[in-house]
């Protein structure tokens, strides 16, 4: 294999790797944003459970009518 062919193959591989890195970066950022949103939501739920101002759960639900 000639040097020019090897260089061409390496350049092609580099272009594909750069594209893959961009796609993976986008994916990781999206997952990070989703994780942050889920973490904030979880913290809100934890606070709501602990808060006596906003009681939650079966103890605060009206009993079923028979």
C-alpha atoms as a PDB file:
ATOM      1  CA  UNK A   1       0.000   0.000   0.000  1.00  0.00           C
ATOM      2  CA  UNK A   2       1.383   3.354  -0.938  1.00  0.00           C
ATOM      3  CA  UNK A   3       1.838   6.202   1.465  1.00  0.00           C
ATOM      4  CA  UNK A   4      -0.784   8.330  -0.320  1.00  0.00           C
ATOM      5  CA  UNK A   5      -3.377   5.556   0.021  1.00  0.00           C
ATOM      6  CA  UNK A   6      -2.594   5.117   3.705  1.00  0.00           C
ATOM      7  CA  UNK A   7      -2.901   8.851   4.306  1.00  0.00           C
ATOM      8  CA  UNK A   8      -6.240   8.906   2.444  1.00  0.00           C
ATOM      9  CA  UNK A   9      -7.576   6.005   4.563  1.00  0.00           C
ATOM     10  CA  UNK A  10      -6.444   7.688   7.759  1.00  0.00           C
ATOM     11  CA  UNK A  11      -8.111  10.945   6.743  1.00  0.00           C
ATOM     12  CA  UNK A  12     -11.355   9.112   5.999  1.00  0.00           C
ATOM     13  CA  UNK A  13     -11.231   7.360   9.373  1.00  0.00           C
ATOM     14  CA  UNK A  14     -10.540  10.678  11.076  1.00  0.00           C
ATOM     15  CA  UNK A  15     -13.600  12.287   9.474  1.00  0.00           C
ATOM     16  CA  UNK A  16     -15.825   9.413  10.647  1.00  0.00           C
ATOM     17  CA  UNK A  17     -14.361   9.582  14.147  1.00  0.00           C
ATOM     18  CA  UNK A  18     -14.929  13.323  14.370  1.00  0.00           C
ATOM     19  CA  UNK A  19     -18.544  12.869  13.267  1.00  0.00           C
ATOM     20  CA  UNK A  20     -19.061  10.111  15.831  1.00  0.00           C
ATOM     21  CA  UNK A  21     -17.546  12.248  18.577  1.00  0.00           C
ATOM     22  CA  UNK A  22     -19.940  15.110  17.723  1.00  0.00           C
ATOM     23  CA  UNK A  23     -22.926  12.736  17.792  1.00  0.00           C
ATOM     24  CA  UNK A  24     -21.838  11.196  21.093  1.00  0.00           C
ATOM     25  CA  UNK A  25     -21.246  14.636  22.594  1.00  0.00           C
ATOM     26  CA  UNK A  26     -24.779  15.660  21.637  1.00  0.00           C
ATOM     27  CA  UNK A  27     -26.149  12.473  23.169  1.00  0.00           C
ATOM     28  CA  UNK A  28     -24.181  12.883  26.395  1.00  0.00           C
ATOM     29  CA  UNK A  29     -25.337  16.499  26.731  1.00  0.00           C
ATOM     30  CA  UNK A  30     -28.973  15.459  26.228  1.00  0.00           C
ATOM     31  CA  UNK A  31     -28.654  12.722  28.845  1.00  0.00           C
ATOM     32  CA  UNK A  32     -26.993  15.175  31.214  1.00  0.00           C
ATOM     33  CA  UNK A  33     -29.826  17.669  30.816  1.00  0.00           C
ATOM     34  CA  UNK A  34     -32.401  14.919  31.377  1.00  0.00           C
ATOM     35  CA  UNK A  35     -30.520  13.728  34.456  1.00  0.00           C
ATOM     36  CA  UNK A  36     -30.444  17.270  35.845  1.00  0.00           C
ATOM     37  CA  UNK A  37     -34.178  17.655  35.263  1.00  0.00           C
ATOM     38  CA  UNK A  38     -34.915  14.318  36.927  1.00  0.00           C
ATOM     39  CA  UNK A  39     -32.684  15.210  39.881  1.00  0.00           C
ATOM     40  CA  UNK A  40     -34.542  18.517  40.365  1.00  0.00           C
ATOM     41  CA  UNK A  41     -37.891  16.738  40.148  1.00  0.00           C
ATOM     42  CA  UNK A  42     -36.786  14.126  42.677  1.00  0.00           C
ATOM     43  CA  UNK A  43     -35.689  16.829  45.101  1.00  0.00           C
ATOM     44  CA  UNK A  44     -39.060  18.564  44.745  1.00  0.00           C
ATOM     45  CA  UNK A  45     -40.833  15.282  45.475  1.00  0.00           C
ATOM     46  CA  UNK A  46     -38.641  14.670  48.527  1.00  0.00           C
ATOM     47  CA  UNK A  47     -39.442  18.150  49.826  1.00  0.00           C
ATOM     48  CA  UNK A  48     -43.157  17.631  49.194  1.00  0.00           C
ATOM     49  CA  UNK A  49     -43.119  14.391  51.162  1.00  0.00           C
ATOM     50  CA  UNK A  50     -41.302  16.007  54.109  1.00  0.00           C
ATOM     51  CA  UNK A  51     -43.368  19.186  54.081  1.00  0.00           C
ATOM     52  CA  UNK A  52     -46.275  19.270  56.556  1.00  0.00           C
ATOM     53  CA  UNK A  53     -47.816  22.073  54.484  1.00  0.00           C
ATOM     54  CA  UNK A  54     -48.416  19.737  51.557  1.00  0.00           C
ATOM     55  CA  UNK A  55     -49.372  16.405  53.071  1.00  0.00           C
ATOM     56  CA  UNK A  56     -49.255  13.495  50.702  1.00  0.00           C
ATOM     57  CA  UNK A  57     -50.170   9.867  50.936  1.00  0.00           C
ATOM     58  CA  UNK A  58     -53.062   7.642  51.999  1.00  0.00           C
ATOM     59  CA  UNK A  59     -53.238   9.106  55.526  1.00  0.00           C
ATOM     60  CA  UNK A  60     -54.445  12.396  54.061  1.00  0.00           C
ATOM     61  CA  UNK A  61     -56.886  10.984  51.554  1.00  0.00           C
ATOM     62  CA  UNK A  62     -60.573  10.854  52.465  1.00  0.00           C
ATOM     63  CA  UNK A  63     -61.863   7.364  53.232  1.00  0.00           C
ATOM     64  CA  UNK A  64     -63.934   5.622  50.573  1.00  0.00           C
ATOM     65  CA  UNK A  65     -67.667   5.906  51.022  1.00  0.00           C
ATOM     66  CA  UNK A  66     -69.480   2.630  51.549  1.00  0.00           C
END
